[in-house]
């Protein structure tokens, strides 16, 4: 599994939610996620769905404010999850 770098940019409607920003090829995107999903500045996004040049297609855990579920992100925004590295 992969983890995507995020930046907390605000609070969600519920105290357990956060608005986070992610860098994509089309520019910054925001989405609301559960705070418990955030681990050291990253969220889990599962396995990559595609790869092109230096970008990777990932599926987000929630849709962005523009309605996207899948986004192309620069490779430097992703790391391999700890579980996979230990296997």
C-alpha atoms as a PDB file:
ATOM      1  CA  UNK A   1       0.000   0.000   0.000  1.00  0.00           C
ATOM      2  CA  UNK A   2       0.999   3.586  -0.540  1.00  0.00           C
ATOM      3  CA  UNK A   3       0.720   6.640   1.668  1.00  0.00           C
ATOM      4  CA  UNK A   4       0.106  10.147   0.324  1.00  0.00           C
ATOM      5  CA  UNK A   5       1.599  13.280   1.842  1.00  0.00           C
ATOM      6  CA  UNK A   6      -1.048  15.740   3.102  1.00  0.00           C
ATOM      7  CA  UNK A   7      -1.198  19.105   4.821  1.00  0.00           C
ATOM      8  CA  UNK A   8      -3.927  19.916   7.335  1.00  0.00           C
ATOM      9  CA  UNK A   9      -5.493  23.204   6.229  1.00  0.00           C
ATOM     10  CA  UNK A  10      -8.521  23.430   8.509  1.00  0.00           C
ATOM     11  CA  UNK A  11     -11.185  21.769  10.617  1.00  0.00           C
ATOM     12  CA  UNK A  12     -14.085  19.740   9.281  1.00  0.00           C
ATOM     13  CA  UNK A  13     -17.707  20.155  10.353  1.00  0.00           C
ATOM     14  CA  UNK A  14     -17.234  17.486  13.019  1.00  0.00           C
ATOM     15  CA  UNK A  15     -14.421  17.656  15.621  1.00  0.00           C
ATOM     16  CA  UNK A  16     -13.099  14.312  14.352  1.00  0.00           C
ATOM     17  CA  UNK A  17     -12.662  15.644  10.788  1.00  0.00           C
ATOM     18  CA  UNK A  18      -9.921  17.682   9.155  1.00  0.00           C
ATOM     19  CA  UNK A  19      -9.680  19.469   5.824  1.00  0.00           C
ATOM     20  CA  UNK A  20      -6.438  18.440   4.149  1.00  0.00           C
ATOM     21  CA  UNK A  21      -4.637  19.599   1.055  1.00  0.00           C
ATOM     22  CA  UNK A  22      -2.816  17.388  -1.414  1.00  0.00           C
ATOM     23  CA  UNK A  23      -0.602  18.252  -4.375  1.00  0.00           C
ATOM     24  CA  UNK A  24      -1.809  16.894  -7.714  1.00  0.00           C
ATOM     25  CA  UNK A  25      -0.727  17.413 -11.300  1.00  0.00           C
ATOM     26  CA  UNK A  26      -3.720  19.706 -11.835  1.00  0.00           C
ATOM     27  CA  UNK A  27      -2.903  21.784  -8.758  1.00  0.00           C
ATOM     28  CA  UNK A  28      -3.797  21.581  -5.078  1.00  0.00           C
ATOM     29  CA  UNK A  29      -6.917  19.659  -4.041  1.00  0.00           C
ATOM     30  CA  UNK A  30      -8.735  19.578  -0.710  1.00  0.00           C
ATOM     31  CA  UNK A  31     -10.754  16.864   0.946  1.00  0.00           C
ATOM     32  CA  UNK A  32     -12.321  16.219   4.332  1.00  0.00           C
ATOM     33  CA  UNK A  33     -11.108  13.119   6.147  1.00  0.00           C
ATOM     34  CA  UNK A  34     -11.292  11.586   9.605  1.00  0.00           C
ATOM     35  CA  UNK A  35      -8.428  12.789  11.784  1.00  0.00           C
ATOM     36  CA  UNK A  36      -7.673   9.186  12.753  1.00  0.00           C
ATOM     37  CA  UNK A  37      -6.780   8.555   9.073  1.00  0.00           C
ATOM     38  CA  UNK A  38      -3.830  10.932   9.339  1.00  0.00           C
ATOM     39  CA  UNK A  39      -0.563   9.283  10.302  1.00  0.00           C
ATOM     40  CA  UNK A  40       2.481  11.533  10.620  1.00  0.00           C
ATOM     41  CA  UNK A  41       1.384  13.819   7.761  1.00  0.00           C
ATOM     42  CA  UNK A  42       0.262  11.002   5.444  1.00  0.00           C
ATOM     43  CA  UNK A  43      -2.947   9.126   4.569  1.00  0.00           C
ATOM     44  CA  UNK A  44      -3.288   5.629   3.104  1.00  0.00           C
ATOM     45  CA  UNK A  45      -4.359   5.497  -0.534  1.00  0.00           C
ATOM     46  CA  UNK A  46      -3.972   1.804  -1.341  1.00  0.00           C
ATOM     47  CA  UNK A  47      -2.126   0.448  -4.332  1.00  0.00           C
ATOM     48  CA  UNK A  48      -1.262   2.697  -7.305  1.00  0.00           C
ATOM     49  CA  UNK A  49      -3.733   2.483 -10.184  1.00  0.00           C
ATOM     50  CA  UNK A  50      -1.384   3.748 -12.865  1.00  0.00           C
ATOM     51  CA  UNK A  51       1.994   5.303 -13.481  1.00  0.00           C
ATOM     52  CA  UNK A  52       3.071   7.796 -16.132  1.00  0.00           C
ATOM     53  CA  UNK A  53       6.346   9.728 -16.312  1.00  0.00           C
ATOM     54  CA  UNK A  54       6.968  10.837 -12.717  1.00  0.00           C
ATOM     55  CA  UNK A  55       3.328  10.716 -11.605  1.00  0.00           C
ATOM     56  CA  UNK A  56       1.081   8.054 -10.074  1.00  0.00           C
ATOM     57  CA  UNK A  57      -2.696   7.629 -10.221  1.00  0.00           C
ATOM     58  CA  UNK A  58      -4.180   6.993  -6.761  1.00  0.00           C
ATOM     59  CA  UNK A  59      -7.681   6.565  -5.372  1.00  0.00           C
ATOM     60  CA  UNK A  60      -8.435   8.756  -2.376  1.00  0.00           C
ATOM     61  CA  UNK A  61     -10.336   7.588   0.725  1.00  0.00           C
ATOM     62  CA  UNK A  62     -12.914  10.384   0.198  1.00  0.00           C
ATOM     63  CA  UNK A  63     -13.763  12.597  -2.736  1.00  0.00           C
ATOM     64  CA  UNK A  64     -12.141  15.998  -3.102  1.00  0.00           C
ATOM     65  CA  UNK A  65     -14.097  19.239  -2.920  1.00  0.00           C
ATOM     66  CA  UNK A  66     -14.167  19.199  -6.744  1.00  0.00           C
ATOM     67  CA  UNK A  67     -15.659  15.683  -6.789  1.00  0.00           C
ATOM     68  CA  UNK A  68     -12.575  13.677  -7.795  1.00  0.00           C
ATOM     69  CA  UNK A  69     -11.918  10.249  -6.271  1.00  0.00           C
ATOM     70  CA  UNK A  70      -8.843   9.451  -8.371  1.00  0.00           C
ATOM     71  CA  UNK A  71      -6.015  11.925  -8.917  1.00  0.00           C
ATOM     72  CA  UNK A  72      -2.574  11.970 -10.505  1.00  0.00           C
ATOM     73  CA  UNK A  73       0.060  12.956  -7.961  1.00  0.00           C
ATOM     74  CA  UNK A  74       3.799  13.559  -8.295  1.00  0.00           C
ATOM     75  CA  UNK A  75       5.815  10.524  -7.213  1.00  0.00           C
ATOM     76  CA  UNK A  76       7.583  12.574  -4.527  1.00  0.00           C
ATOM     77  CA  UNK A  77       4.241  12.883  -2.673  1.00  0.00           C
ATOM     78  CA  UNK A  78       4.038   9.108  -2.092  1.00  0.00           C
ATOM     79  CA  UNK A  79       5.824   6.667   0.178  1.00  0.00           C
ATOM     80  CA  UNK A  80       5.404   2.942   0.611  1.00  0.00           C
ATOM     81  CA  UNK A  81       3.475   2.066   3.766  1.00  0.00           C
ATOM     82  CA  UNK A  82       5.303   0.595   6.761  1.00  0.00           C
ATOM     83  CA  UNK A  83       3.314  -2.668   6.567  1.00  0.00           C
ATOM     84  CA  UNK A  84       4.596  -3.347   3.067  1.00  0.00           C
ATOM     85  CA  UNK A  85       8.216  -2.571   3.943  1.00  0.00           C
ATOM     86  CA  UNK A  86       8.121  -5.028   6.845  1.00  0.00           C
ATOM     87  CA  UNK A  87       6.636  -7.858   4.730  1.00  0.00           C
END
